[in-house]
Protein backbone atom coordinates (compact mmCIF):
# COMPACT_ATOMS: atom_id res chain seq x y z
CA MET A 1 28.21 2.39 -1.16
CA ILE A 2 31.63 2.79 0.37
CA CYS A 3 31.00 6.26 1.68
CA GLY A 4 28.38 7.03 4.30
CA SER A 5 26.00 9.98 4.25
CA ALA A 6 27.74 11.65 7.18
CA GLY A 7 30.98 11.70 9.09
CA GLY A 8 33.12 14.24 7.32
CA MET A 9 34.44 12.08 4.47
CA CYS A 10 33.85 14.30 1.50
CA MET A 11 35.00 13.33 -1.95
CA ALA A 12 33.94 14.04 -5.51
CA PRO A 13 31.85 11.38 -7.28
CA LEU A 14 34.79 10.45 -9.52
CA ALA A 15 37.10 10.04 -6.54
CA GLU A 16 34.46 7.99 -4.78
CA THR A 17 34.20 5.69 -7.79
CA VAL A 18 37.96 5.22 -7.90
CA VAL A 19 38.19 4.50 -4.16
CA ARG A 20 35.30 2.05 -4.41
CA ALA A 21 37.00 0.22 -7.27
CA LEU A 22 40.31 0.13 -5.42
CA LEU A 23 38.82 -1.17 -2.18
CA ASP A 24 36.60 -3.70 -3.86
CA GLY A 25 39.60 -5.00 -5.77
CA LEU A 26 41.36 -5.91 -2.54
CA ALA A 27 41.31 -9.46 -1.23
CA GLU A 28 41.71 -8.01 2.23
CA GLY A 29 38.59 -6.83 4.03
CA VAL A 30 38.54 -3.12 4.94
CA LEU A 31 36.16 -1.29 7.27
CA ALA A 32 36.38 2.29 8.59
CA VAL A 33 34.60 3.81 11.59
CA ALA A 34 34.13 7.58 11.61
CA PRO A 35 34.66 9.82 14.66
CA ASP A 36 30.93 9.65 15.33
CA GLY A 37 31.28 5.88 15.94
CA ARG A 38 29.45 4.78 12.79
CA ILE A 39 30.75 2.58 9.99
CA ARG A 40 31.27 4.83 6.97
CA LEU A 41 33.33 2.64 4.70
CA VAL A 42 33.35 -1.10 3.99
CA ASN A 43 34.47 -3.08 0.97
CA GLY A 44 33.04 -6.26 -0.52
CA ALA A 45 35.72 -8.54 0.94
CA MET A 46 34.94 -7.37 4.50
CA ALA A 47 31.20 -7.81 3.97
CA GLN A 48 31.81 -11.34 2.73
CA LEU A 49 34.07 -12.22 5.68
CA LEU A 50 31.51 -10.83 8.14
CA GLY A 51 28.71 -12.65 6.37
CA THR A 52 26.59 -9.49 6.23
CA PRO A 53 25.47 -7.39 3.22
CA ARG A 54 27.34 -4.11 2.94
CA ALA A 55 24.13 -2.11 3.12
CA ARG A 56 23.41 -3.49 6.61
CA LEU A 57 26.84 -2.39 7.84
CA LEU A 58 27.02 1.19 6.63
CA ASP A 59 25.94 3.95 9.02
CA ARG A 60 25.64 1.43 11.88
CA ARG A 61 27.53 1.40 15.16
CA PRO A 62 29.60 -1.77 15.80
CA ALA A 63 28.00 -2.19 19.22
CA ASP A 64 24.54 -2.14 17.61
CA LEU A 65 25.60 -4.81 15.15
CA GLU A 66 26.89 -7.04 17.94
CA ASP A 67 23.51 -6.85 19.65
CA GLY A 68 21.99 -8.42 16.53
CA ASP A 69 23.16 -11.45 14.61
CA THR A 70 26.08 -9.76 12.84
CA TRP A 71 29.62 -10.81 13.76
CA VAL A 72 31.98 -7.91 14.35
CA PRO A 73 35.75 -8.39 14.61
CA PRO A 74 36.73 -8.22 18.32
CA VAL A 75 39.75 -6.07 17.50
CA LEU A 76 37.47 -3.27 16.29
CA ARG A 77 35.65 -2.99 19.60
CA ARG A 78 38.91 -3.07 21.59
CA CYS A 79 40.50 -0.42 19.43
CA LEU A 80 37.45 1.82 19.82
CA GLU A 81 37.61 1.31 23.59
CA THR A 82 41.35 1.74 24.09
CA GLY A 83 42.39 3.93 21.19
CA GLU A 84 45.32 1.52 20.61
CA ARG A 85 46.27 -0.78 17.77
CA GLN A 86 44.84 -4.29 18.08
CA ALA A 87 45.71 -7.49 16.20
CA MET A 88 44.78 -11.13 16.50
CA VAL A 89 44.33 -14.39 14.57
CA LEU A 90 41.22 -16.49 15.11
CA GLU A 91 39.19 -19.21 13.47
CA ARG A 92 35.65 -18.59 12.30
CA ALA A 93 33.46 -20.96 10.30
CA GLY A 94 36.44 -23.17 9.49
CA ARG A 95 38.59 -20.28 8.25
CA ARG A 96 41.63 -18.64 9.86
CA LEU A 97 41.38 -14.86 9.90
CA ALA A 98 44.08 -12.29 10.62
CA LEU A 99 42.40 -9.19 12.10
CA THR A 100 43.80 -5.73 12.80
CA ALA A 101 42.33 -2.41 13.94
CA VAL A 102 44.34 0.82 14.11
CA PRO A 103 43.39 4.35 15.19
CA LEU A 104 43.77 7.03 12.49
CA PRO A 105 44.06 10.82 12.74
CA GLU A 106 40.94 12.85 13.46
CA GLY A 107 39.28 10.00 15.37
CA TRP A 108 38.88 7.45 12.59
CA VAL A 109 39.49 3.73 13.15
CA LEU A 110 40.47 1.38 10.33
CA ALA A 111 39.86 -2.36 10.63
CA THR A 112 41.20 -5.00 8.25
CA ALA A 113 40.55 -8.72 7.96
CA ARG A 114 42.42 -11.25 5.85
CA ASP A 115 41.63 -14.92 5.25
CA ILE A 116 44.93 -16.71 5.88
CA THR A 117 43.60 -20.25 5.68
CA GLU A 118 45.36 -20.93 2.39
CA LEU A 119 48.46 -19.08 3.54
CA ASP A 120 48.62 -21.26 6.65
CA ARG A 121 48.29 -24.35 4.50
CA LEU A 122 51.09 -23.17 2.25
CA GLU A 123 53.27 -22.33 5.26
CA ARG A 124 52.72 -25.80 6.68
CA GLN A 125 53.54 -27.27 3.29
CA VAL A 126 56.71 -25.20 3.09
CA GLU A 127 57.63 -26.31 6.61
CA ARG A 128 57.11 -29.95 5.66
CA MET A 129 59.17 -29.48 2.51
CA THR A 130 61.90 -27.80 4.55
CA GLN A 131 61.94 -30.70 6.98
CA GLU A 132 62.04 -33.19 4.11
CA ARG A 133 64.85 -31.23 2.49
CA GLU A 134 66.83 -31.40 5.72
CA ARG A 135 66.15 -35.10 6.01
CA TYR A 136 67.28 -35.69 2.42
CA ARG A 137 70.32 -33.49 3.01
CA HIS A 138 71.31 -35.59 6.01
CA GLU A 139 70.69 -38.81 4.09
CA LEU A 140 72.75 -37.53 1.17
CA ALA A 141 75.53 -36.51 3.52
CA GLY A 142 75.41 -39.97 5.04
CA LEU A 143 75.56 -41.59 1.61
CA ARG A 144 78.46 -39.40 0.61
CA ALA A 145 80.26 -40.19 3.84
CA GLY A 146 79.53 -43.86 3.30
CA GLN A 147 80.78 -43.63 -0.26
CA ALA A 148 83.96 -42.03 0.98
CA GLY A 149 84.31 -44.96 3.36
CA HIS A 150 83.95 -47.42 0.47
CA ALA A 151 86.74 -45.66 -1.38
CA GLU A 152 89.01 -46.66 1.48
CA VAL A 153 88.47 -50.35 0.99
CA VAL A 154 86.94 -51.05 -2.41
CA GLY A 155 87.49 -47.97 -4.56
CA SER A 156 85.65 -45.18 -6.32
CA SER A 157 86.18 -46.04 -9.99
CA LEU A 158 83.30 -46.09 -12.46
CA ALA A 159 83.10 -49.88 -12.08
CA MET A 160 82.78 -49.59 -8.30
CA GLN A 161 80.34 -46.69 -8.56
CA ARG A 162 78.06 -49.01 -10.52
CA VAL A 163 78.40 -51.63 -7.80
CA MET A 164 77.57 -49.05 -5.13
CA ASP A 165 74.58 -47.76 -7.12
CA LEU A 166 73.18 -51.30 -7.23
CA ILE A 167 73.84 -51.80 -3.52
CA ARG A 168 72.05 -48.57 -2.62
CA ARG A 169 69.02 -49.69 -4.66
CA VAL A 170 68.71 -53.11 -3.04
CA ALA A 171 69.83 -52.33 0.53
CA PRO A 172 66.40 -50.99 1.69
CA VAL A 173 64.61 -54.26 0.81
CA ASP A 174 65.08 -57.72 2.33
CA SER A 175 66.00 -59.55 -0.88
CA THR A 176 68.83 -62.05 -0.58
CA ILE A 177 72.07 -60.72 -2.06
CA LEU A 178 74.92 -62.79 -3.48
CA LEU A 179 78.29 -61.02 -3.58
CA LEU A 180 80.61 -62.48 -6.20
CA GLY A 181 84.28 -61.71 -6.60
CA GLU A 182 87.81 -62.85 -6.00
CA SER A 183 89.26 -63.03 -2.53
CA GLY A 184 90.24 -59.65 -1.17
CA VAL A 185 87.99 -57.44 -3.31
CA GLY A 186 86.00 -56.24 -0.30
CA LYS A 187 82.93 -58.47 -0.20
CA GLY A 188 82.78 -58.31 3.59
CA VAL A 189 82.97 -54.53 3.58
CA LEU A 190 80.16 -54.29 1.05
CA ALA A 191 78.02 -56.71 3.06
CA ALA A 192 78.46 -54.52 6.13
CA GLU A 193 77.58 -51.46 4.05
CA ILE A 194 74.38 -53.09 2.78
CA HIS A 195 73.43 -53.71 6.41
CA ARG A 196 74.23 -50.10 7.32
CA LEU A 197 72.03 -48.77 4.52
CA SER A 198 69.14 -51.12 5.33
CA PRO A 199 66.22 -50.68 7.74
CA ARG A 200 67.94 -53.37 9.84
CA ARG A 201 70.91 -51.11 10.59
CA SER A 202 70.07 -51.01 14.31
CA GLY A 203 69.99 -54.82 14.47
CA PRO A 204 72.97 -57.19 14.63
CA PHE A 205 75.32 -57.86 11.72
CA VAL A 206 76.58 -61.42 12.12
CA ARG A 207 79.31 -62.83 9.90
CA ILE A 208 80.47 -66.42 9.52
CA ASP A 209 83.38 -67.56 7.35
CA CYS A 210 82.40 -70.99 6.06
CA ALA A 211 85.90 -71.65 4.70
CA ALA A 212 87.43 -71.30 8.16
CA LEU A 213 85.44 -74.09 9.84
CA PRO A 214 85.06 -77.83 9.19
CA GLY A 215 81.57 -79.02 8.28
CA SER A 216 80.65 -80.47 11.69
CA LEU A 217 81.69 -77.35 13.57
CA LEU A 218 80.12 -75.11 10.96
CA GLU A 219 76.70 -76.69 11.54
CA SER A 220 76.78 -76.13 15.30
CA GLU A 221 78.04 -72.57 14.83
CA LEU A 222 75.25 -71.76 12.41
CA PHE A 223 72.35 -73.56 14.06
CA GLY A 224 73.43 -73.78 17.70
CA TYR A 225 72.55 -76.69 19.93
CA SER A 226 70.19 -77.59 22.76
CA PRO A 227 71.38 -78.68 26.25
CA GLY A 228 73.15 -82.05 26.29
CA SER A 229 73.30 -82.42 22.52
CA PHE A 230 76.81 -83.81 22.51
CA THR A 231 79.82 -84.35 24.74
CA GLY A 232 81.42 -81.06 25.67
CA ALA A 233 78.32 -79.01 24.89
CA ARG A 234 77.30 -76.27 27.25
CA ARG A 235 74.79 -77.34 29.85
CA GLU A 236 72.45 -74.48 28.92
CA GLY A 237 72.88 -74.97 25.17
CA LYS A 238 73.96 -72.30 22.74
CA PRO A 239 72.16 -70.20 20.13
CA GLY A 240 73.69 -70.38 16.67
CA LEU A 241 74.82 -67.45 14.57
CA ILE A 242 71.56 -67.55 12.63
CA GLU A 243 69.60 -66.95 15.84
CA GLN A 244 72.06 -64.28 16.92
CA ALA A 245 71.33 -62.41 13.68
CA HIS A 246 67.60 -62.19 14.54
CA GLY A 247 66.32 -58.73 13.64
CA GLY A 248 69.45 -58.00 11.62
CA THR A 249 71.64 -59.38 8.85
CA LEU A 250 73.39 -62.74 8.50
CA PHE A 251 76.46 -62.59 6.26
CA ILE A 252 77.50 -66.05 5.07
CA ASP A 253 80.99 -65.62 3.66
CA GLU A 254 82.48 -68.23 1.32
CA ILE A 255 79.20 -70.06 0.98
CA GLY A 256 80.73 -72.14 -1.80
CA ASP A 257 82.64 -74.01 0.92
CA VAL A 258 79.49 -75.23 2.70
CA PRO A 259 79.24 -79.07 2.55
CA LEU A 260 76.38 -80.50 0.50
CA GLU A 261 74.63 -82.02 3.52
CA LEU A 262 74.57 -78.64 5.25
CA GLN A 263 73.33 -76.86 2.14
CA VAL A 264 69.94 -78.55 2.60
CA LYS A 265 69.52 -77.00 6.04
CA LEU A 266 70.56 -73.57 4.78
CA LEU A 267 68.00 -73.85 1.99
CA HIS A 268 65.32 -74.57 4.60
CA VAL A 269 66.35 -71.47 6.58
CA ILE A 270 66.12 -69.27 3.50
CA GLN A 271 62.73 -70.68 2.52
CA GLU A 272 61.07 -70.97 5.92
CA ARG A 273 62.99 -68.47 8.08
CA ARG A 274 63.06 -71.15 10.77
CA ILE A 275 65.91 -73.12 12.34
CA ILE A 276 66.16 -76.20 14.52
CA ARG A 277 69.07 -76.37 16.93
CA LEU A 278 71.16 -79.53 17.04
CA GLY A 279 69.47 -81.95 19.41
CA ALA A 280 66.18 -80.03 19.36
CA VAL A 281 62.84 -80.87 17.74
CA THR A 282 61.03 -77.54 17.98
CA PRO A 283 61.79 -74.99 15.25
CA THR A 284 62.63 -71.39 16.11
CA ALA A 285 61.48 -68.55 13.87
CA VAL A 286 64.15 -66.07 12.82
CA ASP A 287 63.78 -62.65 11.24
CA ILE A 288 66.94 -62.19 9.21
CA ARG A 289 68.23 -60.70 5.99
CA ILE A 290 70.73 -63.00 4.25
CA ILE A 291 73.79 -61.85 2.34
CA ALA A 292 76.07 -64.53 0.93
CA ALA A 293 79.47 -64.21 -0.70
CA THR A 294 81.90 -66.42 -2.55
CA HIS A 295 84.95 -66.30 -4.78
CA ARG A 296 83.92 -69.58 -6.39
CA ASP A 297 82.01 -70.21 -9.61
CA LEU A 298 78.77 -71.50 -8.09
CA GLU A 299 77.21 -72.06 -11.49
CA ALA A 300 80.03 -74.41 -12.44
CA MET A 301 79.78 -76.10 -9.04
CA VAL A 302 76.08 -76.70 -9.67
CA ALA A 303 76.91 -78.26 -13.05
CA GLU A 304 79.49 -80.47 -11.35
CA GLY A 305 77.05 -81.53 -8.61
CA ARG A 306 79.05 -79.87 -5.82
CA PHE A 307 76.46 -77.19 -5.02
CA ARG A 308 72.69 -77.56 -4.83
CA ALA A 309 70.88 -75.90 -7.71
CA ASP A 310 67.86 -74.98 -5.56
CA LEU A 311 70.09 -73.26 -3.00
CA TYR A 312 71.97 -71.44 -5.74
CA TYR A 313 68.75 -70.05 -7.21
CA ARG A 314 67.55 -68.98 -3.75
CA LEU A 315 70.82 -67.14 -3.15
CA ASN A 316 71.14 -65.64 -6.62
CA VAL A 317 68.19 -63.25 -6.25
CA VAL A 318 70.37 -60.14 -6.52
CA PRO A 319 73.88 -61.07 -7.71
CA VAL A 320 76.50 -58.34 -7.26
CA LYS A 321 79.73 -58.89 -9.17
CA ILE A 322 82.69 -57.05 -7.66
CA PRO A 323 85.50 -56.55 -10.19
CA PRO A 324 89.06 -57.42 -9.17
CA LEU A 325 91.54 -54.63 -8.58
CA ARG A 326 93.49 -55.31 -11.78
CA GLU A 327 90.37 -54.45 -13.81
CA ARG A 328 90.10 -51.01 -12.18
CA PRO A 329 93.68 -49.72 -11.93
CA GLU A 330 92.43 -46.16 -11.43
CA ASP A 331 91.46 -47.22 -7.90
CA ILE A 332 95.00 -48.24 -6.96
CA PRO A 333 96.54 -44.77 -6.33
CA VAL A 334 93.54 -43.64 -4.28
CA LEU A 335 93.46 -46.82 -2.23
CA ALA A 336 97.21 -46.83 -1.67
CA ARG A 337 97.24 -43.26 -0.38
CA THR A 338 94.17 -43.90 1.78
CA PHE A 339 95.81 -46.93 3.39
CA LEU A 340 99.04 -44.97 3.77
CA ASP A 341 97.27 -42.15 5.63
CA ARG A 342 95.47 -44.65 7.85
CA PHE A 343 98.58 -46.58 8.88
CA CYS A 344 100.71 -43.47 9.27
CA ALA A 345 98.12 -42.14 11.71
CA ARG A 346 97.88 -45.48 13.51
CA TYR A 347 101.64 -45.92 13.94
CA ARG A 348 102.42 -42.19 14.26
CA VAL A 349 104.95 -42.04 11.46
CA GLU A 350 105.27 -40.04 8.25
CA ARG A 351 105.53 -41.78 4.90
CA THR A 352 104.93 -40.66 1.32
CA LEU A 353 104.65 -42.53 -1.96
CA THR A 354 106.75 -41.23 -4.83
CA PRO A 355 105.04 -40.98 -8.25
CA GLU A 356 107.33 -43.76 -9.49
CA ALA A 357 106.23 -46.02 -6.65
CA VAL A 358 102.59 -45.36 -7.50
CA GLU A 359 103.28 -46.27 -11.13
CA ARG A 360 104.80 -49.56 -10.00
CA LEU A 361 101.73 -50.28 -7.86
CA VAL A 362 99.44 -49.60 -10.80
CA ALA A 363 101.46 -51.89 -13.06
CA TYR A 364 101.11 -54.85 -10.69
CA SER A 365 98.25 -57.34 -11.22
CA TRP A 366 97.26 -57.69 -7.50
CA PRO A 367 96.05 -61.30 -7.34
CA GLY A 368 95.18 -60.66 -3.67
CA ASN A 369 93.25 -57.53 -4.65
CA VAL A 370 92.53 -54.76 -2.14
CA ARG A 371 93.52 -56.88 0.84
CA GLU A 372 96.96 -57.51 -0.66
CA LEU A 373 97.44 -53.79 -1.33
CA GLU A 374 96.38 -52.91 2.20
CA ASN A 375 98.76 -55.45 3.73
CA LEU A 376 101.64 -54.26 1.57
CA VAL A 377 101.14 -50.63 2.54
CA GLU A 378 101.01 -51.53 6.23
CA ARG A 379 104.21 -53.56 5.90
CA LEU A 380 106.00 -50.66 4.23
CA VAL A 381 104.84 -48.19 6.87
CA VAL A 382 106.09 -50.27 9.79
CA THR A 383 109.32 -51.66 8.29
CA LEU A 384 110.83 -48.76 6.38
CA ASP A 385 113.04 -46.23 8.12
CA GLU A 386 112.90 -43.79 5.24
CA ARG A 387 110.15 -41.25 4.78
CA GLU A 388 109.79 -41.77 1.02
CA ILE A 389 108.51 -45.06 -0.37
CA ARG A 390 110.27 -45.61 -3.69
CA PRO A 391 109.92 -48.36 -6.33
CA GLU A 392 112.90 -50.29 -4.98
CA HIS A 393 111.09 -50.62 -1.65
CA LEU A 394 108.18 -52.48 -3.22
CA PRO A 395 108.48 -56.28 -3.04
CA LEU A 396 106.72 -56.63 -6.39
CA PRO A 397 107.82 -58.21 -9.67
CA ALA A 398 108.94 -55.84 -12.38
CA PRO A 399 106.28 -54.84 -14.91
CA GLY A 400 105.75 -57.56 -17.46
CA GLY A 401 106.26 -60.33 -14.89
CA PRO A 402 109.35 -62.36 -14.02
CA PRO A 403 110.93 -64.77 -16.47
CA VAL A 404 110.28 -68.45 -15.94
CA GLN A 405 112.92 -69.78 -13.54
CA VAL A 406 114.30 -73.28 -14.03
CA ARG A 407 115.36 -74.69 -10.65
CA GLU A 408 115.75 -78.33 -11.66
CA ILE A 409 115.76 -80.47 -14.73
CA VAL A 410 112.56 -82.48 -15.09
CA PRO A 411 110.98 -84.26 -18.02
CA LEU A 412 109.69 -81.74 -20.53
CA LYS A 413 106.19 -83.18 -20.45
CA GLU A 414 106.03 -82.79 -16.66
CA ALA A 415 107.35 -79.22 -16.81
CA VAL A 416 104.87 -78.24 -19.51
CA ALA A 417 102.00 -79.78 -17.51
CA ALA A 418 103.04 -77.84 -14.40
CA LEU A 419 103.28 -74.60 -16.34
CA GLU A 420 99.92 -75.31 -17.94
CA LEU A 421 98.30 -75.70 -14.52
CA GLU A 422 99.87 -72.44 -13.35
CA LEU A 423 98.44 -70.71 -16.41
CA VAL A 424 95.01 -72.22 -15.74
CA GLY A 425 95.22 -71.19 -12.09
CA GLU A 426 96.15 -67.62 -12.94
CA ALA A 427 93.29 -67.46 -15.45
CA TYR A 428 90.88 -68.83 -12.85
CA ARG A 429 92.02 -66.29 -10.25
CA ARG A 430 91.52 -63.58 -12.80
CA PHE A 431 88.19 -64.64 -14.29
CA GLY A 432 86.62 -66.87 -11.60
CA SER A 433 84.65 -68.97 -14.09
CA SER A 434 85.50 -72.10 -16.07
CA VAL A 435 83.54 -70.67 -19.00
CA LYS A 436 85.64 -67.50 -19.03
CA VAL A 437 88.86 -69.46 -18.47
CA GLY A 438 88.04 -71.67 -21.45
CA ARG A 439 87.26 -68.64 -23.58
CA ALA A 440 90.49 -66.87 -22.57
CA LEU A 441 92.72 -69.92 -23.13
CA GLY A 442 90.95 -71.13 -26.24
CA ILE A 443 89.86 -74.46 -24.77
CA HIS A 444 86.47 -76.08 -24.16
CA GLN A 445 84.65 -75.27 -20.93
CA THR A 446 84.67 -78.89 -19.75
CA THR A 447 88.43 -79.05 -20.31
CA ALA A 448 88.86 -75.79 -18.41
CA ALA A 449 86.74 -77.11 -15.52
CA ARG A 450 88.80 -80.32 -15.36
CA LYS A 451 92.09 -78.46 -15.36
CA ILE A 452 90.82 -76.05 -12.70
CA ARG A 453 90.03 -79.05 -10.48
CA GLU A 454 93.54 -80.38 -11.08
CA TRP A 455 95.03 -77.01 -10.24
CA LYS A 456 93.00 -76.78 -7.02
CA ALA A 457 94.04 -80.28 -6.00
CA ARG A 458 97.67 -79.35 -6.56
CA GLN A 459 97.22 -76.18 -4.51
CA GLU A 460 95.81 -78.21 -1.63
CA ARG A 461 98.63 -80.77 -1.80
CA THR A 462 101.29 -78.07 -1.72
CA GLY A 463 99.51 -76.08 1.01
CA ARG A 464 98.92 -73.09 -1.26
CA GLY A 465 95.09 -73.24 -1.32
């Protein structure tokens, strides 16, 4: 029954059937109290929420039910007492219920009850998803901002996008990364970006350029020393760069220049994550992520016995090859204008690149890569008096390269040998591998490796290394 035997609610049997069907179809519990204070209408959902059969509720007063073992919504009693609308949310038997009671015309009171347990769960889920969305939005914004920063120093071409995709995949883990590429391509910038994208971002980022230090000094810089280790040492000793990178990232630049005897100690650090200072006997544990970089062909150096194979394999966990600027000419206009904006802002001047000047920049091979382009743009900004940078202002060879200049007469064999070494050197700068040099010049790899060694020796003798 949904209609009591008294209380003034009169309806035809058909109407009563329709109302009963409508009310019983509701998920929300409904209960009505007549002016005489008795419950005259209740649907199945309300009976279920109250845990009482409908027959025990009809024609009863709420106060009488409360005296027994039947639970009555508190809002109903308050509404009956005050004649005002009441609403509340409470928990009962592990469920969250939203309760309301409102006075109706002619002295009736209507109470409703709704189980919002699932709704609350969904709201919490939506809230969590909203928070996650915001977190992902901030992370994406950071990645985009970081990517914009890379465009300033390494580029945004498809080739560099692939490099950045790989870096973003490996940055969150502690795997050792080996950055490979010619001098000036931006290996240091990418190493710093890997650190920034890693969980170690709040720790130190320590860089050491192995090519800038002799072997003996390099060892003390890397490993530090204990008090009194050698003449001139600090009395209190000194932690090395490896220790200083504890909790962060150690970037070993130009690792191909590390002497063989020091390579053994570096291998031990990578394997054991422990170091021993010079003059000490007790090892010190270090928590570091290692990123190494080189412009050299380490694989060829291993074959020649100039680099330890075991160290190479430890470093070459995740190799990242950074293409030279000449292989991604689409980056040149963007980089040039980015550097131009930066230096114009720094030196408070106005400069623009003409389209013809940009074409000349794109046509150049850039053996010094991004660093050479950056230095050239800075030089133009600070030395030119004119606002426009035109092709004639660029200290670059004309497209196609300069003709061979004969400055003195030498034996033909000597001249050909010198030109051959220059060709080998240019190929090595471009390809960075004796295998690729041999393939490009149509000679055997061992011949290419020998001629590369000759070219390097000549560079060192002439001070051009």
